[in-house]
Amino acid sequence: MPADLLGNELDPIEQRLLQTYEDLKALCREDLPPVAAANVRAALAVYSNAVNGLALDHEHLTDLGV
């Protein structure tokens, strides 16, 4: 079972949040049209706040090149 950074098991909603975050990161690596790329990066920034705030993951988007 996946766990957060504190060792707590993730509930189904947290798992979905983390999966969406991972999907957005993957989309940022794709060659998207400019408007799509900008909006995916914006969505990723919002999800990053949620994921970091819930201690599901911790990373700086600048470290990812986003």
PDB file of N, CA and C in Angstrom:
ATOM      1  N   MET A   1       0.848  -1.184   0.000  1.00  0.00           N
ATOM      2  CA  MET A   1       0.000   0.000   0.000  1.00  0.00           C
ATOM      3  C   MET A   1       0.886   1.237   0.000  1.00  0.00           C
ATOM      4  N   PRO A   2       0.627   2.181  -0.890  1.00  0.00           N
ATOM      5  CA  PRO A   2       1.416   3.416  -0.910  1.00  0.00           C
ATOM      6  C   PRO A   2       1.246   4.205   0.392  1.00  0.00           C
ATOM      7  N   ALA A   3       2.294   4.921   0.756  1.00  0.00           N
ATOM      8  CA  ALA A   3       2.269   5.702   1.989  1.00  0.00           C
ATOM      9  C   ALA A   3       2.729   7.124   1.706  1.00  0.00           C
ATOM     10  N   ASP A   4       2.329   8.039   2.584  1.00  0.00           N
ATOM     11  CA  ASP A   4       2.793   9.411   2.473  1.00  0.00           C
ATOM     12  C   ASP A   4       4.192   9.524   3.077  1.00  0.00           C
ATOM     13  N   LEU A   5       4.730  10.729   3.117  1.00  0.00           N
ATOM     14  CA  LEU A   5       6.081  10.924   3.620  1.00  0.00           C
ATOM     15  C   LEU A   5       6.202  10.685   5.114  1.00  0.00           C
ATOM     16  N   LEU A   6       5.073  10.619   5.806  1.00  0.00           N
ATOM     17  CA  LEU A   6       5.066  10.355   7.240  1.00  0.00           C
ATOM     18  C   LEU A   6       4.830   8.882   7.556  1.00  0.00           C
ATOM     19  N   GLY A   7       4.632   8.083   6.509  1.00  0.00           N
ATOM     20  CA  GLY A   7       4.431   6.652   6.696  1.00  0.00           C
ATOM     21  C   GLY A   7       2.984   6.223   6.798  1.00  0.00           C
ATOM     22  N   ASN A   8       2.046   7.158   6.670  1.00  0.00           N
ATOM     23  CA  ASN A   8       0.619   6.825   6.732  1.00  0.00           C
ATOM     24  C   ASN A   8       0.152   6.282   5.381  1.00  0.00           C
ATOM     25  N   GLU A   9      -0.690   5.250   5.424  1.00  0.00           N
ATOM     26  CA  GLU A   9      -1.241   4.714   4.188  1.00  0.00           C
ATOM     27  C   GLU A   9      -2.107   5.766   3.509  1.00  0.00           C
ATOM     28  N   LEU A  10      -2.037   5.798   2.183  1.00  0.00           N
ATOM     29  CA  LEU A  10      -2.841   6.745   1.419  1.00  0.00           C
ATOM     30  C   LEU A  10      -4.267   6.223   1.275  1.00  0.00           C
ATOM     31  N   ASP A  11      -5.221   7.123   1.446  1.00  0.00           N
ATOM     32  CA  ASP A  11      -6.602   6.739   1.178  1.00  0.00           C
ATOM     33  C   ASP A  11      -6.837   6.862  -0.333  1.00  0.00           C
ATOM     34  N   PRO A  12      -7.966   6.393  -0.832  1.00  0.00           N
ATOM     35  CA  PRO A  12      -8.200   6.415  -2.284  1.00  0.00           C
ATOM     36  C   PRO A  12      -8.126   7.817  -2.900  1.00  0.00           C
ATOM     37  N   ILE A  13      -8.592   8.828  -2.203  1.00  0.00           N
ATOM     38  CA  ILE A  13      -8.536  10.193  -2.735  1.00  0.00           C
ATOM     39  C   ILE A  13      -7.091  10.667  -2.835  1.00  0.00           C
ATOM     40  N   GLU A  14      -6.293  10.399  -1.815  1.00  0.00           N
ATOM     41  CA  GLU A  14      -4.878  10.781  -1.850  1.00  0.00           C
ATOM     42  C   GLU A  14      -4.141  10.050  -2.970  1.00  0.00           C
ATOM     43  N   GLN A  15      -4.493   8.801  -3.196  1.00  0.00           N
ATOM     44  CA  GLN A  15      -3.887   8.049  -4.289  1.00  0.00           C
ATOM     45  C   GLN A  15      -4.229   8.689  -5.632  1.00  0.00           C
ATOM     46  N   ARG A  16      -5.477   9.114  -5.787  1.00  0.00           N
ATOM     47  CA  ARG A  16      -5.888   9.773  -7.034  1.00  0.00           C
ATOM     48  C   ARG A  16      -5.170  11.098  -7.217  1.00  0.00           C
ATOM     49  N   LEU A  17      -5.040  11.876  -6.133  1.00  0.00           N
ATOM     50  CA  LEU A  17      -4.313  13.147  -6.211  1.00  0.00           C
ATOM     51  C   LEU A  17      -2.864  12.920  -6.645  1.00  0.00           C
ATOM     52  N   LEU A  18      -2.223  11.951  -6.031  1.00  0.00           N
ATOM     53  CA  LEU A  18      -0.832  11.671  -6.356  1.00  0.00           C
ATOM     54  C   LEU A  18      -0.698  11.160  -7.782  1.00  0.00           C
ATOM     55  N   GLN A  19      -1.614  10.321  -8.229  1.00  0.00           N
ATOM     56  CA  GLN A  19      -1.557   9.811  -9.597  1.00  0.00           C
ATOM     57  C   GLN A  19      -1.766  10.934 -10.604  1.00  0.00           C
ATOM     58  N   THR A  20      -2.695  11.841 -10.327  1.00  0.00           N
ATOM     59  CA  THR A  20      -2.930  12.976 -11.222  1.00  0.00           C
ATOM     60  C   THR A  20      -1.695  13.864 -11.290  1.00  0.00           C
ATOM     61  N   TYR A  21      -1.048  14.070 -10.148  1.00  0.00           N
ATOM     62  CA  TYR A  21       0.186  14.842 -10.095  1.00  0.00           C
ATOM     63  C   TYR A  21       1.258  14.187 -10.975  1.00  0.00           C
ATOM     64  N   GLU A  22       1.414  12.877 -10.863  1.00  0.00           N
ATOM     65  CA  GLU A  22       2.389  12.156 -11.682  1.00  0.00           C
ATOM     66  C   GLU A  22       2.033  12.255 -13.164  1.00  0.00           C
ATOM     67  N   ASP A  23       0.741  12.170 -13.482  1.00  0.00           N
ATOM     68  CA  ASP A  23       0.295  12.291 -14.875  1.00  0.00           C
ATOM     69  C   ASP A  23       0.598  13.683 -15.430  1.00  0.00           C
ATOM     70  N   LEU A  24       0.386  14.715 -14.626  1.00  0.00           N
ATOM     71  CA  LEU A  24       0.687  16.081 -15.065  1.00  0.00           C
ATOM     72  C   LEU A  24       2.183  16.268 -15.286  1.00  0.00           C
ATOM     73  N   LYS A  25       3.011  15.693 -14.419  1.00  0.00           N
ATOM     74  CA  LYS A  25       4.458  15.771 -14.619  1.00  0.00           C
ATOM     75  C   LYS A  25       4.847  15.105 -15.937  1.00  0.00           C
ATOM     76  N   ALA A  26       4.235  13.962 -16.228  1.00  0.00           N
ATOM     77  CA  ALA A  26       4.519  13.267 -17.486  1.00  0.00           C
ATOM     78  C   ALA A  26       4.086  14.109 -18.683  1.00  0.00           C
ATOM     79  N   LEU A  27       2.941  14.753 -18.578  1.00  0.00           N
ATOM     80  CA  LEU A  27       2.476  15.613 -19.666  1.00  0.00           C
ATOM     81  C   LEU A  27       3.420  16.789 -19.904  1.00  0.00           C
ATOM     82  N   CYS A  28       4.011  17.301 -18.851  1.00  0.00           N
ATOM     83  CA  CYS A  28       4.949  18.426 -18.989  1.00  0.00           C
ATOM     84  C   CYS A  28       6.181  18.033 -19.797  1.00  0.00           C
ATOM     85  N   ARG A  29       6.501  16.760 -19.827  1.00  0.00           N
ATOM     86  CA  ARG A  29       7.663  16.294 -20.582  1.00  0.00           C
ATOM     87  C   ARG A  29       7.338  16.079 -22.062  1.00  0.00           C
ATOM     88  N   GLU A  30       6.065  16.151 -22.414  1.00  0.00           N
ATOM     89  CA  GLU A  30       5.643  15.949 -23.802  1.00  0.00           C
ATOM     90  C   GLU A  30       5.804  17.245 -24.602  1.00  0.00           C
ATOM     91  N   ASP A  31       5.858  17.105 -25.904  1.00  0.00           N
ATOM     92  CA  ASP A  31       5.942  18.256 -26.801  1.00  0.00           C
ATOM     93  C   ASP A  31       4.520  18.727 -27.111  1.00  0.00           C
ATOM     94  N   LEU A  32       3.993  19.565 -26.231  1.00  0.00           N
ATOM     95  CA  LEU A  32       2.616  20.045 -26.364  1.00  0.00           C
ATOM     96  C   LEU A  32       2.585  21.393 -27.069  1.00  0.00           C
ATOM     97  N   PRO A  33       1.440  21.731 -27.671  1.00  0.00           N
ATOM     98  CA  PRO A  33       1.281  23.087 -28.206  1.00  0.00           C
ATOM     99  C   PRO A  33       1.443  24.096 -27.062  1.00  0.00           C
ATOM    100  N   PRO A  34       1.909  25.293 -27.361  1.00  0.00           N
ATOM    101  CA  PRO A  34       2.207  26.269 -26.307  1.00  0.00           C
ATOM    102  C   PRO A  34       1.075  26.517 -25.310  1.00  0.00           C
ATOM    103  N   VAL A  35      -0.148  26.650 -25.777  1.00  0.00           N
ATOM    104  CA  VAL A  35      -1.253  26.928 -24.855  1.00  0.00           C
ATOM    105  C   VAL A  35      -1.503  25.733 -23.938  1.00  0.00           C
ATOM    106  N   ALA A  36      -1.379  24.526 -24.463  1.00  0.00           N
ATOM    107  CA  ALA A  36      -1.567  23.335 -23.644  1.00  0.00           C
ATOM    108  C   ALA A  36      -0.418  23.198 -22.642  1.00  0.00           C
ATOM    109  N   ALA A  37       0.798  23.432 -23.084  1.00  0.00           N
ATOM    110  CA  ALA A  37       1.959  23.326 -22.198  1.00  0.00           C
ATOM    111  C   ALA A  37       1.843  24.314 -21.032  1.00  0.00           C
ATOM    112  N   ALA A  38       1.426  25.538 -21.319  1.00  0.00           N
ATOM    113  CA  ALA A  38       1.290  26.546 -20.267  1.00  0.00           C
ATOM    114  C   ALA A  38       0.218  26.152 -19.263  1.00  0.00           C
ATOM    115  N   ASN A  39      -0.881  25.632 -19.740  1.00  0.00           N
ATOM    116  CA  ASN A  39      -1.966  25.261 -18.837  1.00  0.00           C
ATOM    117  C   ASN A  39      -1.655  23.998 -18.039  1.00  0.00           C
ATOM    118  N   VAL A  40      -0.938  23.057 -18.623  1.00  0.00           N
ATOM    119  CA  VAL A  40      -0.533  21.866 -17.883  1.00  0.00           C
ATOM    120  C   VAL A  40       0.443  22.266 -16.778  1.00  0.00           C
ATOM    121  N   ARG A  41       1.381  23.177 -17.076  1.00  0.00           N
ATOM    122  CA  ARG A  41       2.316  23.652 -16.044  1.00  0.00           C
ATOM    123  C   ARG A  41       1.557  24.365 -14.920  1.00  0.00           C
ATOM    124  N   ALA A  42       0.548  25.162 -15.283  1.00  0.00           N
ATOM    125  CA  ALA A  42      -0.248  25.854 -14.268  1.00  0.00           C
ATOM    126  C   ALA A  42      -0.989  24.853 -13.389  1.00  0.00           C
ATOM    127  N   ALA A  43      -1.570  23.837 -13.998  1.00  0.00           N
ATOM    128  CA  ALA A  43      -2.264  22.800 -13.226  1.00  0.00           C
ATOM    129  C   ALA A  43      -1.290  22.046 -12.341  1.00  0.00           C
ATOM    130  N   LEU A  44      -0.103  21.781 -12.854  1.00  0.00           N
ATOM    131  CA  LEU A  44       0.898  21.081 -12.070  1.00  0.00           C
ATOM    132  C   LEU A  44       1.292  21.891 -10.836  1.00  0.00           C
ATOM    133  N   ALA A  45       1.397  23.193 -10.981  1.00  0.00           N
ATOM    134  CA  ALA A  45       1.744  24.049  -9.840  1.00  0.00           C
ATOM    135  C   ALA A  45       0.681  23.954  -8.749  1.00  0.00           C
ATOM    136  N   VAL A  46      -0.573  23.947  -9.141  1.00  0.00           N
ATOM    137  CA  VAL A  46      -1.663  23.842  -8.166  1.00  0.00           C
ATOM    138  C   VAL A  46      -1.637  22.474  -7.485  1.00  0.00           C
ATOM    139  N   TYR A  47      -1.469  21.425  -8.269  1.00  0.00           N
ATOM    140  CA  TYR A  47      -1.402  20.079  -7.694  1.00  0.00           C
ATOM    141  C   TYR A  47      -0.184  19.912  -6.804  1.00  0.00           C
ATOM    142  N   SER A  48       0.916  20.553  -7.173  1.00  0.00           N
ATOM    143  CA  SER A  48       2.121  20.488  -6.358  1.00  0.00           C
ATOM    144  C   SER A  48       1.854  21.021  -4.959  1.00  0.00           C
ATOM    145  N   ASN A  49       1.102  22.108  -4.866  1.00  0.00           N
ATOM    146  CA  ASN A  49       0.747  22.654  -3.550  1.00  0.00           C
ATOM    147  C   ASN A  49      -0.060  21.654  -2.735  1.00  0.00           C
ATOM    148  N   ALA A  50      -1.006  20.992  -3.371  1.00  0.00           N
ATOM    149  CA  ALA A  50      -1.835  20.013  -2.663  1.00  0.00           C
ATOM    150  C   ALA A  50      -1.010  18.805  -2.233  1.00  0.00           C
ATOM    151  N   VAL A  51      -0.194  18.297  -3.136  1.00  0.00           N
ATOM    152  CA  VAL A  51       0.610  17.104  -2.853  1.00  0.00           C
ATOM    153  C   VAL A  51       1.634  17.380  -1.753  1.00  0.00           C
ATOM    154  N   ASN A  52       2.294  18.534  -1.828  1.00  0.00           N
ATOM    155  CA  ASN A  52       3.257  18.895  -0.791  1.00  0.00           C
ATOM    156  C   ASN A  52       2.566  19.151   0.540  1.00  0.00           C
ATOM    157  N   GLY A  53       1.422  19.829   0.508  1.00  0.00           N
ATOM    158  CA  GLY A  53       0.694  20.140   1.732  1.00  0.00           C
ATOM    159  C   GLY A  53       0.185  18.904   2.453  1.00  0.00           C
ATOM    160  N   LEU A  54      -0.143  17.867   1.703  1.00  0.00           N
ATOM    161  CA  LEU A  54      -0.629  16.616   2.297  1.00  0.00           C
ATOM    162  C   LEU A  54       0.506  15.641   2.585  1.00  0.00           C
ATOM    163  N   ALA A  55       1.740  16.058   2.330  1.00  0.00           N
ATOM    164  CA  ALA A  55       2.930  15.221   2.549  1.00  0.00           C
ATOM    165  C   ALA A  55       2.871  13.933   1.729  1.00  0.00           C
ATOM    166  N   LEU A  56       2.294  14.020   0.533  1.00  0.00           N
ATOM    167  CA  LEU A  56       2.252  12.857  -0.346  1.00  0.00           C
ATOM    168  C   LEU A  56       3.558  12.712  -1.109  1.00  0.00           C
ATOM    169  N   ASP A  57       4.198  13.830  -1.375  1.00  0.00           N
ATOM    170  CA  ASP A  57       5.467  13.875  -2.081  1.00  0.00           C
ATOM    171  C   ASP A  57       6.065  15.243  -1.798  1.00  0.00           C
ATOM    172  N   HIS A  58       7.359  15.375  -1.985  1.00  0.00           N
ATOM    173  CA  HIS A  58       7.978  16.682  -1.804  1.00  0.00           C
ATOM    174  C   HIS A  58       9.082  16.855  -2.828  1.00  0.00           C
ATOM    175  N   GLU A  59       8.908  17.846  -3.663  1.00  0.00           N
ATOM    176  CA  GLU A  59       9.924  18.203  -4.636  1.00  0.00           C
ATOM    177  C   GLU A  59       9.639  19.617  -5.118  1.00  0.00           C
ATOM    178  N   HIS A  60      10.661  20.250  -5.603  1.00  0.00           N
ATOM    179  CA  HIS A  60      10.499  21.587  -6.161  1.00  0.00           C
ATOM    180  C   HIS A  60      10.349  21.454  -7.667  1.00  0.00           C
ATOM    181  N   LEU A  61       9.362  22.127  -8.208  1.00  0.00           N
ATOM    182  CA  LEU A  61       9.122  22.011  -9.647  1.00  0.00           C
ATOM    183  C   LEU A  61      10.307  22.498 -10.454  1.00  0.00           C
ATOM    184  N   THR A  62      11.060  23.452  -9.926  1.00  0.00           N
ATOM    185  CA  THR A  62      12.237  23.913 -10.646  1.00  0.00           C
ATOM    186  C   THR A  62      13.271  22.798 -10.779  1.00  0.00           C
ATOM    187  N   ASP A  63      13.302  21.887  -9.820  1.00  0.00           N
ATOM    188  CA  ASP A  63      14.215  20.739  -9.914  1.00  0.00           C
ATOM    189  C   ASP A  63      13.811  19.793 -11.049  1.00  0.00           C
ATOM    190  N   LEU A  64      12.541  19.860 -11.427  1.00  0.00           N
ATOM    191  CA  LEU A  64      12.046  18.997 -12.519  1.00  0.00           C
ATOM    192  C   LEU A  64      12.191  19.664 -13.877  1.00  0.00           C
ATOM    193  N   GLY A  65      12.620  20.918 -13.884  1.00  0.00           N
ATOM    194  CA  GLY A  65      12.736  21.641 -15.138  1.00  0.00           C
ATOM    195  C   GLY A  65      11.411  22.170 -15.653  1.00  0.00           C
ATOM    196  N   VAL A  66      10.459  22.304 -14.757  1.00  0.00           N
ATOM    197  CA  VAL A  66       9.129  22.789 -15.142  1.00  0.00           C
ATOM    198  C   VAL A  66       9.017  24.256 -14.804  1.00  0.00           C
TER     199      VAL A  66
END
